[in-house]
Amino acid sequence: RALLASVDGLEIREMRDPDVCCGFGGTFCVKYGEISAAIVTKKAAAIT
């Protein structure tokens, strides 16, 4: 965030819960696909 603040013309808009997992987790998204999908659904909503 410190370096992004120095980028000319860039505006940072913080999302809700930026530190919450996106659901990927490497092999987690393969072994627990339904849980991973639920997590990334919430993350996508926070992003948009």
ModelCIF file with pLDDT and N, C-alpha, C, O atoms, coordinates in Angstrom:
data_MODEL
#
_entry.id   MODEL 
#
_entity.id                         1 
_entity.type                       polymer 
_entity.pdbx_number_of_molecules   1 
#
_entity_poly.entity_id                      1 
_entity_poly.type                           'polypeptide(L)' 
_entity_poly.nstd_linkage                   no 
_entity_poly.nstd_monomer                   no 
_entity_poly.pdbx_seq_one_letter_code       RALLASVDGLEIREMRDPDVCCGFGGTFCVKYGEISAAIVTKKAAAIT 
_entity_poly.pdbx_seq_one_letter_code_can   RALLASVDGLEIREMRDPDVCCGFGGTFCVKYGEISAAIVTKKAAAIT 
_entity_poly.pdbx_strand_id                 A 
#
loop_
_entity_poly_seq.entity_id 
_entity_poly_seq.num 
_entity_poly_seq.mon_id 
_entity_poly_seq.hetero 
1 1  ARG n 
1 2  ALA n 
1 3  LEU n 
1 4  LEU n 
1 5  ALA n 
1 6  SER n 
1 7  VAL n 
1 8  ASP n 
1 9  GLY n 
1 10 LEU n 
1 11 GLU n 
1 12 ILE n 
1 13 ARG n 
1 14 GLU n 
1 15 MET n 
1 16 ARG n 
1 17 ASP n 
1 18 PRO n 
1 19 ASP n 
1 20 VAL n 
1 21 CYS n 
1 22 CYS n 
1 23 GLY n 
1 24 PHE n 
1 25 GLY n 
1 26 GLY n 
1 27 THR n 
1 28 PHE n 
1 29 CYS n 
1 30 VAL n 
1 31 LYS n 
1 32 TYR n 
1 33 GLY n 
1 34 GLU n 
1 35 ILE n 
1 36 SER n 
1 37 ALA n 
1 38 ALA n 
1 39 ILE n 
1 40 VAL n 
1 41 THR n 
1 42 LYS n 
1 43 LYS n 
1 44 ALA n 
1 45 ALA n 
1 46 ALA n 
1 47 ILE n 
1 48 THR n 
#
_struct_asym.id          A 
_struct_asym.entity_id   1 
#
loop_
_ma_qa_metric.id 
_ma_qa_metric.mode 
_ma_qa_metric.name 
_ma_qa_metric.software_group_id 
_ma_qa_metric.type 
1 global pLDDT . pLDDT 
2 local  pLDDT . pLDDT 
#
_ma_qa_metric_global.metric_id      1 
_ma_qa_metric_global.metric_value   93.92 
_ma_qa_metric_global.model_id       1 
_ma_qa_metric_global.ordinal_id     1 
#
loop_
_ma_qa_metric_local.label_asym_id 
_ma_qa_metric_local.label_comp_id 
_ma_qa_metric_local.label_seq_id 
_ma_qa_metric_local.metric_id 
_ma_qa_metric_local.metric_value 
_ma_qa_metric_local.model_id 
_ma_qa_metric_local.ordinal_id 
A ARG 1  2 98.00 1 1  
A ALA 2  2 98.00 1 2  
A LEU 3  2 98.00 1 3  
A LEU 4  2 98.00 1 4  
A ALA 5  2 98.00 1 5  
A SER 6  2 98.00 1 6  
A VAL 7  2 98.00 1 7  
A ASP 8  2 98.00 1 8  
A GLY 9  2 98.00 1 9  
A LEU 10 2 98.00 1 10 
A GLU 11 2 98.00 1 11 
A ILE 12 2 98.00 1 12 
A ARG 13 2 98.00 1 13 
A GLU 14 2 98.00 1 14 
A MET 15 2 98.00 1 15 
A ARG 16 2 96.00 1 16 
A ASP 17 2 95.00 1 17 
A PRO 18 2 96.00 1 18 
A ASP 19 2 95.00 1 19 
A VAL 20 2 95.00 1 20 
A CYS 21 2 95.00 1 21 
A CYS 22 2 93.00 1 22 
A GLY 23 2 90.00 1 23 
A PHE 24 2 90.00 1 24 
A GLY 25 2 84.00 1 25 
A GLY 26 2 80.00 1 26 
A THR 27 2 81.00 1 27 
A PHE 28 2 85.00 1 28 
A CYS 29 2 84.00 1 29 
A VAL 30 2 84.00 1 30 
A LYS 31 2 86.00 1 31 
A TYR 32 2 84.00 1 32 
A GLY 33 2 86.00 1 33 
A GLU 34 2 93.00 1 34 
A ILE 35 2 94.00 1 35 
A SER 36 2 91.00 1 36 
A ALA 37 2 94.00 1 37 
A ALA 38 2 96.00 1 38 
A ILE 39 2 96.00 1 39 
A VAL 40 2 96.00 1 40 
A THR 41 2 97.00 1 41 
A LYS 42 2 97.00 1 42 
A LYS 43 2 97.00 1 43 
A ALA 44 2 97.00 1 44 
A ALA 45 2 97.00 1 45 
A ALA 46 2 98.00 1 46 
A ILE 47 2 98.00 1 47 
A THR 48 2 98.00 1 48 
#
loop_
_atom_site.group_PDB 
_atom_site.id 
_atom_site.type_symbol 
_atom_site.label_atom_id 
_atom_site.label_alt_id 
_atom_site.label_comp_id 
_atom_site.label_asym_id 
_atom_site.label_entity_id 
_atom_site.label_seq_id 
_atom_site.pdbx_PDB_ins_code 
_atom_site.Cartn_x 
_atom_site.Cartn_y 
_atom_site.Cartn_z 
_atom_site.occupancy 
_atom_site.B_iso_or_equiv 
_atom_site.pdbx_formal_charge 
_atom_site.auth_seq_id 
_atom_site.auth_comp_id 
_atom_site.auth_asym_id 
_atom_site.auth_atom_id 
_atom_site.pdbx_PDB_model_num 
ATOM 1   N N  . ARG A 1 1  ? 0.828   -1.205  0.000   1.00 98.00 ? 1  ARG A N  1 
ATOM 2   C CA . ARG A 1 1  ? 0.000   0.000   0.000   1.00 98.00 ? 1  ARG A CA 1 
ATOM 3   C C  . ARG A 1 1  ? 0.866   1.260   0.000   1.00 98.00 ? 1  ARG A C  1 
ATOM 4   O O  . ARG A 1 1  ? 0.510   2.265   -0.615  1.00 98.00 ? 1  ARG A O  1 
ATOM 5   N N  . ALA A 1 2  ? 1.992   1.199   0.687   1.00 98.00 ? 2  ALA A N  1 
ATOM 6   C CA . ALA A 1 2  ? 2.893   2.354   0.716   1.00 98.00 ? 2  ALA A CA 1 
ATOM 7   C C  . ALA A 1 2  ? 3.443   2.650   -0.673  1.00 98.00 ? 2  ALA A C  1 
ATOM 8   O O  . ALA A 1 2  ? 3.498   3.811   -1.081  1.00 98.00 ? 2  ALA A O  1 
ATOM 9   N N  . LEU A 1 3  ? 3.851   1.616   -1.402  1.00 98.00 ? 3  LEU A N  1 
ATOM 10  C CA . LEU A 1 3  ? 4.382   1.834   -2.748  1.00 98.00 ? 3  LEU A CA 1 
ATOM 11  C C  . LEU A 1 3  ? 3.267   2.210   -3.727  1.00 98.00 ? 3  LEU A C  1 
ATOM 12  O O  . LEU A 1 3  ? 3.472   3.044   -4.609  1.00 98.00 ? 3  LEU A O  1 
ATOM 13  N N  . LEU A 1 4  ? 2.105   1.605   -3.578  1.00 98.00 ? 4  LEU A N  1 
ATOM 14  C CA . LEU A 1 4  ? 0.990   1.958   -4.464  1.00 98.00 ? 4  LEU A CA 1 
ATOM 15  C C  . LEU A 1 4  ? 0.577   3.418   -4.289  1.00 98.00 ? 4  LEU A C  1 
ATOM 16  O O  . LEU A 1 4  ? 0.129   4.059   -5.240  1.00 98.00 ? 4  LEU A O  1 
ATOM 17  N N  . ALA A 1 5  ? 0.728   3.938   -3.082  1.00 98.00 ? 5  ALA A N  1 
ATOM 18  C CA . ALA A 1 5  ? 0.377   5.335   -2.826  1.00 98.00 ? 5  ALA A CA 1 
ATOM 19  C C  . ALA A 1 5  ? 1.251   6.304   -3.619  1.00 98.00 ? 5  ALA A C  1 
ATOM 20  O O  . ALA A 1 5  ? 0.881   7.461   -3.819  1.00 98.00 ? 5  ALA A O  1 
ATOM 21  N N  . SER A 1 6  ? 2.417   5.824   -4.071  1.00 98.00 ? 6  SER A N  1 
ATOM 22  C CA . SER A 1 6  ? 3.321   6.686   -4.838  1.00 98.00 ? 6  SER A CA 1 
ATOM 23  C C  . SER A 1 6  ? 3.093   6.585   -6.344  1.00 98.00 ? 6  SER A C  1 
ATOM 24  O O  . SER A 1 6  ? 3.724   7.312   -7.111  1.00 98.00 ? 6  SER A O  1 
ATOM 25  N N  . VAL A 1 7  ? 2.196   5.692   -6.780  1.00 98.00 ? 7  VAL A N  1 
ATOM 26  C CA . VAL A 1 7  ? 1.922   5.533   -8.209  1.00 98.00 ? 7  VAL A CA 1 
ATOM 27  C C  . VAL A 1 7  ? 1.040   6.677   -8.695  1.00 98.00 ? 7  VAL A C  1 
ATOM 28  O O  . VAL A 1 7  ? -0.045  6.905   -8.159  1.00 98.00 ? 7  VAL A O  1 
ATOM 29  N N  . ASP A 1 8  ? 1.500   7.377   -9.688  1.00 98.00 ? 8  ASP A N  1 
ATOM 30  C CA . ASP A 1 8  ? 0.791   8.559   -10.197 1.00 98.00 ? 8  ASP A CA 1 
ATOM 31  C C  . ASP A 1 8  ? -0.574  8.175   -10.771 1.00 98.00 ? 8  ASP A C  1 
ATOM 32  O O  . ASP A 1 8  ? -0.669  7.296   -11.628 1.00 98.00 ? 8  ASP A O  1 
ATOM 33  N N  . GLY A 1 9  ? -1.632  8.841   -10.291 1.00 98.00 ? 9  GLY A N  1 
ATOM 34  C CA . GLY A 1 9  ? -2.974  8.640   -10.807 1.00 98.00 ? 9  GLY A CA 1 
ATOM 35  C C  . GLY A 1 9  ? -3.739  7.500   -10.172 1.00 98.00 ? 9  GLY A C  1 
ATOM 36  O O  . GLY A 1 9  ? -4.917  7.313   -10.475 1.00 98.00 ? 9  GLY A O  1 
ATOM 37  N N  . LEU A 1 10 ? -3.108  6.733   -9.299  1.00 98.00 ? 10 LEU A N  1 
ATOM 38  C CA . LEU A 1 10 ? -3.762  5.563   -8.707  1.00 98.00 ? 10 LEU A CA 1 
ATOM 39  C C  . LEU A 1 10 ? -4.528  5.935   -7.448  1.00 98.00 ? 10 LEU A C  1 
ATOM 40  O O  . LEU A 1 10 ? -4.036  6.696   -6.615  1.00 98.00 ? 10 LEU A O  1 
ATOM 41  N N  . GLU A 1 11 ? -5.723  5.400   -7.312  1.00 98.00 ? 11 GLU A N  1 
ATOM 42  C CA . GLU A 1 11 ? -6.546  5.580   -6.118  1.00 98.00 ? 11 GLU A CA 1 
ATOM 43  C C  . GLU A 1 11 ? -6.807  4.220   -5.476  1.00 98.00 ? 11 GLU A C  1 
ATOM 44  O O  . GLU A 1 11 ? -7.272  3.299   -6.147  1.00 98.00 ? 11 GLU A O  1 
ATOM 45  N N  . ILE A 1 12 ? -6.512  4.085   -4.185  1.00 98.00 ? 12 ILE A N  1 
ATOM 46  C CA . ILE A 1 12 ? -6.754  2.833   -3.472  1.00 98.00 ? 12 ILE A CA 1 
ATOM 47  C C  . ILE A 1 12 ? -8.113  2.895   -2.785  1.00 98.00 ? 12 ILE A C  1 
ATOM 48  O O  . ILE A 1 12 ? -8.405  3.829   -2.037  1.00 98.00 ? 12 ILE A O  1 
ATOM 49  N N  . ARG A 1 13 ? -8.933  1.891   -3.050  1.00 98.00 ? 13 ARG A N  1 
ATOM 50  C CA . ARG A 1 13 ? -10.216 1.760   -2.375  1.00 98.00 ? 13 ARG A CA 1 
ATOM 51  C C  . ARG A 1 13 ? -10.210 0.451   -1.596  1.00 98.00 ? 13 ARG A C  1 
ATOM 52  O O  . ARG A 1 13 ? -10.266 -0.626  -2.189  1.00 98.00 ? 13 ARG A O  1 
ATOM 53  N N  . GLU A 1 14 ? -10.142 0.539   -0.299  1.00 98.00 ? 14 GLU A N  1 
ATOM 54  C CA . GLU A 1 14 ? -10.058 -0.671  0.523   1.00 98.00 ? 14 GLU A CA 1 
ATOM 55  C C  . GLU A 1 14 ? -11.374 -1.443  0.497   1.00 98.00 ? 14 GLU A C  1 
ATOM 56  O O  . GLU A 1 14 ? -12.451 -0.862  0.627   1.00 98.00 ? 14 GLU A O  1 
ATOM 57  N N  . MET A 1 15 ? -11.270 -2.738  0.330   1.00 98.00 ? 15 MET A N  1 
ATOM 58  C CA . MET A 1 15 ? -12.457 -3.588  0.359   1.00 98.00 ? 15 MET A CA 1 
ATOM 59  C C  . MET A 1 15 ? -12.798 -3.992  1.786   1.00 98.00 ? 15 MET A C  1 
ATOM 60  O O  . MET A 1 15 ? -11.990 -3.846  2.702   1.00 98.00 ? 15 MET A O  1 
ATOM 61  N N  . ARG A 1 16 ? -13.991 -4.494  1.950   1.00 96.00 ? 16 ARG A N  1 
ATOM 62  C CA . ARG A 1 16 ? -14.395 -5.064  3.231   1.00 96.00 ? 16 ARG A CA 1 
ATOM 63  C C  . ARG A 1 16 ? -13.585 -6.343  3.488   1.00 96.00 ? 16 ARG A C  1 
ATOM 64  O O  . ARG A 1 16 ? -13.482 -7.209  2.619   1.00 96.00 ? 16 ARG A O  1 
ATOM 65  N N  . ASP A 1 17 ? -13.018 -6.444  4.682   1.00 95.00 ? 17 ASP A N  1 
ATOM 66  C CA . ASP A 1 17 ? -12.247 -7.631  5.084   1.00 95.00 ? 17 ASP A CA 1 
ATOM 67  C C  . ASP A 1 17 ? -11.163 -8.003  4.069   1.00 95.00 ? 17 ASP A C  1 
ATOM 68  O O  . ASP A 1 17 ? -11.188 -9.113  3.538   1.00 95.00 ? 17 ASP A O  1 
ATOM 69  N N  . PRO A 1 18 ? -10.225 -7.118  3.789   1.00 96.00 ? 18 PRO A N  1 
ATOM 70  C CA . PRO A 1 18 ? -9.186  -7.424  2.802   1.00 96.00 ? 18 PRO A CA 1 
ATOM 71  C C  . PRO A 1 18 ? -8.258  -8.559  3.227   1.00 96.00 ? 18 PRO A C  1 
ATOM 72  O O  . PRO A 1 18 ? -7.575  -9.158  2.396   1.00 96.00 ? 18 PRO A O  1 
ATOM 73  N N  . ASP A 1 19 ? -8.239  -8.849  4.535   1.00 95.00 ? 19 ASP A N  1 
ATOM 74  C CA . ASP A 1 19 ? -7.343  -9.889  5.045   1.00 95.00 ? 19 ASP A CA 1 
ATOM 75  C C  . ASP A 1 19 ? -8.004  -11.259 5.161   1.00 95.00 ? 19 ASP A C  1 
ATOM 76  O O  . ASP A 1 19 ? -7.399  -12.190 5.693   1.00 95.00 ? 19 ASP A O  1 
ATOM 77  N N  . VAL A 1 20 ? -9.231  -11.395 4.674   1.00 95.00 ? 20 VAL A N  1 
ATOM 78  C CA . VAL A 1 20 ? -9.924  -12.680 4.714   1.00 95.00 ? 20 VAL A CA 1 
ATOM 79  C C  . VAL A 1 20 ? -9.567  -13.482 3.464   1.00 95.00 ? 20 VAL A C  1 
ATOM 80  O O  . VAL A 1 20 ? -9.476  -12.929 2.367   1.00 95.00 ? 20 VAL A O  1 
ATOM 81  N N  . CYS A 1 21 ? -9.364  -14.792 3.638   1.00 95.00 ? 21 CYS A N  1 
ATOM 82  C CA . CYS A 1 21 ? -8.954  -15.698 2.566   1.00 95.00 ? 21 CYS A CA 1 
ATOM 83  C C  . CYS A 1 21 ? -9.865  -15.589 1.346   1.00 95.00 ? 21 CYS A C  1 
ATOM 84  O O  . CYS A 1 21 ? -11.062 -15.331 1.471   1.00 95.00 ? 21 CYS A O  1 
ATOM 85  N N  . CYS A 1 22 ? -9.281  -15.788 0.168   1.00 93.00 ? 22 CYS A N  1 
ATOM 86  C CA . CYS A 1 22 ? -10.056 -15.771 -1.077  1.00 93.00 ? 22 CYS A CA 1 
ATOM 87  C C  . CYS A 1 22 ? -10.612 -17.146 -1.424  1.00 93.00 ? 22 CYS A C  1 
ATOM 88  O O  . CYS A 1 22 ? -11.411 -17.277 -2.352  1.00 93.00 ? 22 CYS A O  1 
ATOM 89  N N  . GLY A 1 23 ? -10.191 -18.182 -0.676  1.00 90.00 ? 23 GLY A N  1 
ATOM 90  C CA . GLY A 1 23 ? -10.690 -19.521 -0.938  1.00 90.00 ? 23 GLY A CA 1 
ATOM 91  C C  . GLY A 1 23 ? -9.767  -20.385 -1.758  1.00 90.00 ? 23 GLY A C  1 
ATOM 92  O O  . GLY A 1 23 ? -10.059 -21.561 -1.977  1.00 90.00 ? 23 GLY A O  1 
ATOM 93  N N  . PHE A 1 24 ? -8.644  -19.828 -2.225  1.00 90.00 ? 24 PHE A N  1 
ATOM 94  C CA . PHE A 1 24 ? -7.731  -20.624 -3.063  1.00 90.00 ? 24 PHE A CA 1 
ATOM 95  C C  . PHE A 1 24 ? -6.994  -21.661 -2.207  1.00 90.00 ? 24 PHE A C  1 
ATOM 96  O O  . PHE A 1 24 ? -7.290  -22.854 -2.276  1.00 90.00 ? 24 PHE A O  1 
ATOM 97  N N  . GLY A 1 25 ? -6.056  -21.206 -1.421  1.00 84.00 ? 25 GLY A N  1 
ATOM 98  C CA . GLY A 1 25 ? -5.372  -22.110 -0.492  1.00 84.00 ? 25 GLY A CA 1 
ATOM 99  C C  . GLY A 1 25 ? -4.622  -23.249 -1.148  1.00 84.00 ? 25 GLY A C  1 
ATOM 100 O O  . GLY A 1 25 ? -4.445  -24.294 -0.523  1.00 84.00 ? 25 GLY A O  1 
ATOM 101 N N  . GLY A 1 26 ? -4.169  -23.090 -2.394  1.00 80.00 ? 26 GLY A N  1 
ATOM 102 C CA . GLY A 1 26 ? -3.426  -24.158 -3.053  1.00 80.00 ? 26 GLY A CA 1 
ATOM 103 C C  . GLY A 1 26 ? -4.282  -25.392 -3.250  1.00 80.00 ? 26 GLY A C  1 
ATOM 104 O O  . GLY A 1 26 ? -5.313  -25.343 -3.921  1.00 80.00 ? 26 GLY A O  1 
ATOM 105 N N  . THR A 1 27 ? -3.855  -26.497 -2.665  1.00 81.00 ? 27 THR A N  1 
ATOM 106 C CA . THR A 1 27 ? -4.594  -27.755 -2.828  1.00 81.00 ? 27 THR A CA 1 
ATOM 107 C C  . THR A 1 27 ? -5.935  -27.727 -2.102  1.00 81.00 ? 27 THR A C  1 
ATOM 108 O O  . THR A 1 27 ? -6.776  -28.595 -2.338  1.00 81.00 ? 27 THR A O  1 
ATOM 109 N N  . PHE A 1 28 ? -6.151  -26.756 -1.232  1.00 85.00 ? 28 PHE A N  1 
ATOM 110 C CA . PHE A 1 28 ? -7.426  -26.642 -0.515  1.00 85.00 ? 28 PHE A CA 1 
ATOM 111 C C  . PHE A 1 28 ? -8.595  -26.511 -1.478  1.00 85.00 ? 28 PHE A C  1 
ATOM 112 O O  . PHE A 1 28 ? -9.640  -27.131 -1.279  1.00 85.00 ? 28 PHE A O  1 
ATOM 113 N N  . CYS A 1 29 ? -8.422  -25.707 -2.521  1.00 84.00 ? 29 CYS A N  1 
ATOM 114 C CA . CYS A 1 29 ? -9.531  -25.467 -3.446  1.00 84.00 ? 29 CYS A CA 1 
ATOM 115 C C  . CYS A 1 29 ? -9.871  -26.712 -4.254  1.00 84.00 ? 29 CYS A C  1 
ATOM 116 O O  . CYS A 1 29 ? -10.965 -26.816 -4.807  1.00 84.00 ? 29 CYS A O  1 
ATOM 117 N N  . VAL A 1 30 ? -8.933  -27.659 -4.325  1.00 84.00 ? 30 VAL A N  1 
ATOM 118 C CA . VAL A 1 30 ? -9.198  -28.916 -5.015  1.00 84.00 ? 30 VAL A CA 1 
ATOM 119 C C  . VAL A 1 30 ? -9.879  -29.908 -4.073  1.00 84.00 ? 30 VAL A C  1 
ATOM 120 O O  . VAL A 1 30 ? -10.837 -30.583 -4.450  1.00 84.00 ? 30 VAL A O  1 
ATOM 121 N N  . LYS A 1 31 ? -9.369  -29.983 -2.846  1.00 86.00 ? 31 LYS A N  1 
ATOM 122 C CA . LYS A 1 31 ? -9.903  -30.954 -1.883  1.00 86.00 ? 31 LYS A CA 1 
ATOM 123 C C  . LYS A 1 31 ? -11.247 -30.531 -1.312  1.00 86.00 ? 31 LYS A C  1 
ATOM 124 O O  . LYS A 1 31 ? -12.070 -31.380 -0.969  1.00 86.00 ? 31 LYS A O  1 
ATOM 125 N N  . TYR A 1 32 ? -11.475 -29.234 -1.209  1.00 84.00 ? 32 TYR A N  1 
ATOM 126 C CA . TYR A 1 32 ? -12.715 -28.730 -0.599  1.00 84.00 ? 32 TYR A CA 1 
ATOM 127 C C  . TYR A 1 32 ? -13.349 -27.691 -1.522  1.00 84.00 ? 32 TYR A C  1 
ATOM 128 O O  . TYR A 1 32 ? -13.470 -26.515 -1.179  1.00 84.00 ? 32 TYR A O  1 
ATOM 129 N N  . GLY A 1 33 ? -13.744 -28.158 -2.692  1.00 86.00 ? 33 GLY A N  1 
ATOM 130 C CA . GLY A 1 33 ? -14.231 -27.246 -3.727  1.00 86.00 ? 33 GLY A CA 1 
ATOM 131 C C  . GLY A 1 33 ? -15.441 -26.423 -3.323  1.00 86.00 ? 33 GLY A C  1 
ATOM 132 O O  . GLY A 1 33 ? -15.504 -25.232 -3.630  1.00 86.00 ? 33 GLY A O  1 
ATOM 133 N N  . GLU A 1 34 ? -16.398 -27.029 -2.643  1.00 93.00 ? 34 GLU A N  1 
ATOM 134 C CA . GLU A 1 34 ? -17.608 -26.295 -2.280  1.00 93.00 ? 34 GLU A CA 1 
ATOM 135 C C  . GLU A 1 34 ? -17.315 -25.206 -1.253  1.00 93.00 ? 34 GLU A C  1 
ATOM 136 O O  . GLU A 1 34 ? -17.863 -24.107 -1.335  1.00 93.00 ? 34 GLU A O  1 
ATOM 137 N N  . ILE A 1 35 ? -16.449 -25.511 -0.287  1.00 94.00 ? 35 ILE A N  1 
ATOM 138 C CA . ILE A 1 35 ? -16.080 -24.502 0.710   1.00 94.00 ? 35 ILE A CA 1 
ATOM 139 C C  . ILE A 1 35 ? -15.306 -23.374 0.035   1.00 94.00 ? 35 ILE A C  1 
ATOM 140 O O  . ILE A 1 35 ? -15.549 -22.197 0.305   1.00 94.00 ? 35 ILE A O  1 
ATOM 141 N N  . SER A 1 36 ? -14.371 -23.741 -0.845  1.00 91.00 ? 36 SER A N  1 
ATOM 142 C CA . SER A 1 36 ? -13.586 -22.745 -1.573  1.00 91.00 ? 36 SER A CA 1 
ATOM 143 C C  . SER A 1 36 ? -14.488 -21.820 -2.380  1.00 91.00 ? 36 SER A C  1 
ATOM 144 O O  . SER A 1 36 ? -14.286 -20.606 -2.399  1.00 91.00 ? 36 SER A O  1 
ATOM 145 N N  . ALA A 1 37 ? -15.491 -22.405 -3.053  1.00 94.00 ? 37 ALA A N  1 
ATOM 146 C CA . ALA A 1 37 ? -16.401 -21.601 -3.866  1.00 94.00 ? 37 ALA A CA 1 
ATOM 147 C C  . ALA A 1 37 ? -17.208 -20.630 -3.012  1.00 94.00 ? 37 ALA A C  1 
ATOM 148 O O  . ALA A 1 37 ? -17.458 -19.497 -3.422  1.00 94.00 ? 37 ALA A O  1 
ATOM 149 N N  . ALA A 1 38 ? -17.616 -21.072 -1.826  1.00 96.00 ? 38 ALA A N  1 
ATOM 150 C CA . ALA A 1 38 ? -18.378 -20.188 -0.932  1.00 96.00 ? 38 ALA A CA 1 
ATOM 151 C C  . ALA A 1 38 ? -17.517 -19.020 -0.459  1.00 96.00 ? 38 ALA A C  1 
ATOM 152 O O  . ALA A 1 38 ? -17.991 -17.889 -0.357  1.00 96.00 ? 38 ALA A O  1 
ATOM 153 N N  . ILE A 1 39 ? -16.248 -19.306 -0.172  1.00 96.00 ? 39 ILE A N  1 
ATOM 154 C CA . ILE A 1 39 ? -15.350 -18.253 0.305   1.00 96.00 ? 39 ILE A CA 1 
ATOM 155 C C  . ILE A 1 39 ? -15.083 -17.227 -0.787  1.00 96.00 ? 39 ILE A C  1 
ATOM 156 O O  . ILE A 1 39 ? -15.135 -16.024 -0.533  1.00 96.00 ? 39 ILE A O  1 
ATOM 157 N N  . VAL A 1 40 ? -14.794 -17.697 -2.007  1.00 96.00 ? 40 VAL A N  1 
ATOM 158 C CA . VAL A 1 40 ? -14.476 -16.752 -3.084  1.00 96.00 ? 40 VAL A CA 1 
ATOM 159 C C  . VAL A 1 40 ? -15.712 -15.973 -3.507  1.00 96.00 ? 40 VAL A C  1 
ATOM 160 O O  . VAL A 1 40 ? -15.584 -14.864 -4.027  1.00 96.00 ? 40 VAL A O  1 
ATOM 161 N N  . THR A 1 41 ? -16.904 -16.521 -3.297  1.00 97.00 ? 41 THR A N  1 
ATOM 162 C CA . THR A 1 41 ? -18.130 -15.772 -3.592  1.00 97.00 ? 41 THR A CA 1 
ATOM 163 C C  . THR A 1 41 ? -18.224 -14.533 -2.701  1.00 97.00 ? 41 THR A C  1 
ATOM 164 O O  . THR A 1 41 ? -18.561 -13.447 -3.172  1.00 97.00 ? 41 THR A O  1 
ATOM 165 N N  . LYS A 1 42 ? -17.927 -14.702 -1.422  1.00 97.00 ? 42 LYS A N  1 
ATOM 166 C CA . LYS A 1 42 ? -17.932 -13.562 -0.492  1.00 97.00 ? 42 LYS A CA 1 
ATOM 167 C C  . LYS A 1 42 ? -16.834 -12.565 -0.852  1.00 97.00 ? 42 LYS A C  1 
ATOM 168 O O  . LYS A 1 42 ? -17.037 -11.352 -0.792  1.00 97.00 ? 42 LYS A O  1 
ATOM 169 N N  . LYS A 1 43 ? -15.676 -13.090 -1.224  1.00 97.00 ? 43 LYS A N  1 
ATOM 170 C CA . LYS A 1 43 ? -14.570 -12.199 -1.585  1.00 97.00 ? 43 LYS A CA 1 
ATOM 171 C C  . LYS A 1 43 ? -14.913 -11.397 -2.830  1.00 97.00 ? 43 LYS A C  1 
ATOM 172 O O  . LYS A 1 43 ? -14.638 -10.198 -2.880  1.00 97.00 ? 43 LYS A O  1 
ATOM 173 N N  . ALA A 1 44 ? -15.502 -12.027 -3.831  1.00 97.00 ? 44 ALA A N  1 
ATOM 174 C CA . ALA A 1 44 ? -15.867 -11.314 -5.057  1.00 97.00 ? 44 ALA A CA 1 
ATOM 175 C C  . ALA A 1 44 ? -16.869 -10.206 -4.763  1.00 97.00 ? 44 ALA A C  1 
ATOM 176 O O  . ALA A 1 44 ? -16.791 -9.128  -5.353  1.00 97.00 ? 44 ALA A O  1 
ATOM 177 N N  . ALA A 1 45 ? -17.806 -10.459 -3.861  1.00 97.00 ? 45 ALA A N  1 
ATOM 178 C CA . ALA A 1 45 ? -18.781 -9.433  -3.495  1.00 97.00 ? 45 ALA A CA 1 
ATOM 179 C C  . ALA A 1 45 ? -18.091 -8.246  -2.840  1.00 97.00 ? 45 ALA A C  1 
ATOM 180 O O  . ALA A 1 45 ? -18.426 -7.096  -3.123  1.00 97.00 ? 45 ALA A O  1 
ATOM 181 N N  . ALA A 1 46 ? -17.134 -8.520  -1.971  1.00 98.00 ? 46 ALA A N  1 
ATOM 182 C CA . ALA A 1 46 ? -16.398 -7.439  -1.305  1.00 98.00 ? 46 ALA A CA 1 
ATOM 183 C C  . ALA A 1 46 ? -15.600 -6.618  -2.306  1.00 98.00 ? 46 ALA A C  1 
ATOM 184 O O  . ALA A 1 46 ? -15.479 -5.401  -2.166  1.00 98.00 ? 46 ALA A O  1 
ATOM 185 N N  . ILE A 1 47 ? -15.063 -7.281  -3.306  1.00 98.00 ? 47 ILE A N  1 
ATOM 186 C CA . ILE A 1 47 ? -14.271 -6.584  -4.328  1.00 98.00 ? 47 ILE A CA 1 
ATOM 187 C C  . ILE A 1 47 ? -15.161 -5.663  -5.147  1.00 98.00 ? 47 ILE A C  1 
ATOM 188 O O  . ILE A 1 47 ? -14.838 -4.488  -5.326  1.00 98.00 ? 47 ILE A O  1 
ATOM 189 N N  . THR A 1 48 ? -16.280 -6.180  -5.648  1.00 98.00 ? 48 THR A N  1 
ATOM 190 C CA . THR A 1 48 ? -17.136 -5.369  -6.511  1.00 98.00 ? 48 THR A CA 1 
ATOM 191 C C  . THR A 1 48 ? -17.810 -4.229  -5.757  1.00 98.00 ? 48 THR A C  1 
ATOM 192 O O  . THR A 1 48 ? -18.563 -3.456  -6.350  1.00 98.00 ? 48 THR A O  1 
#
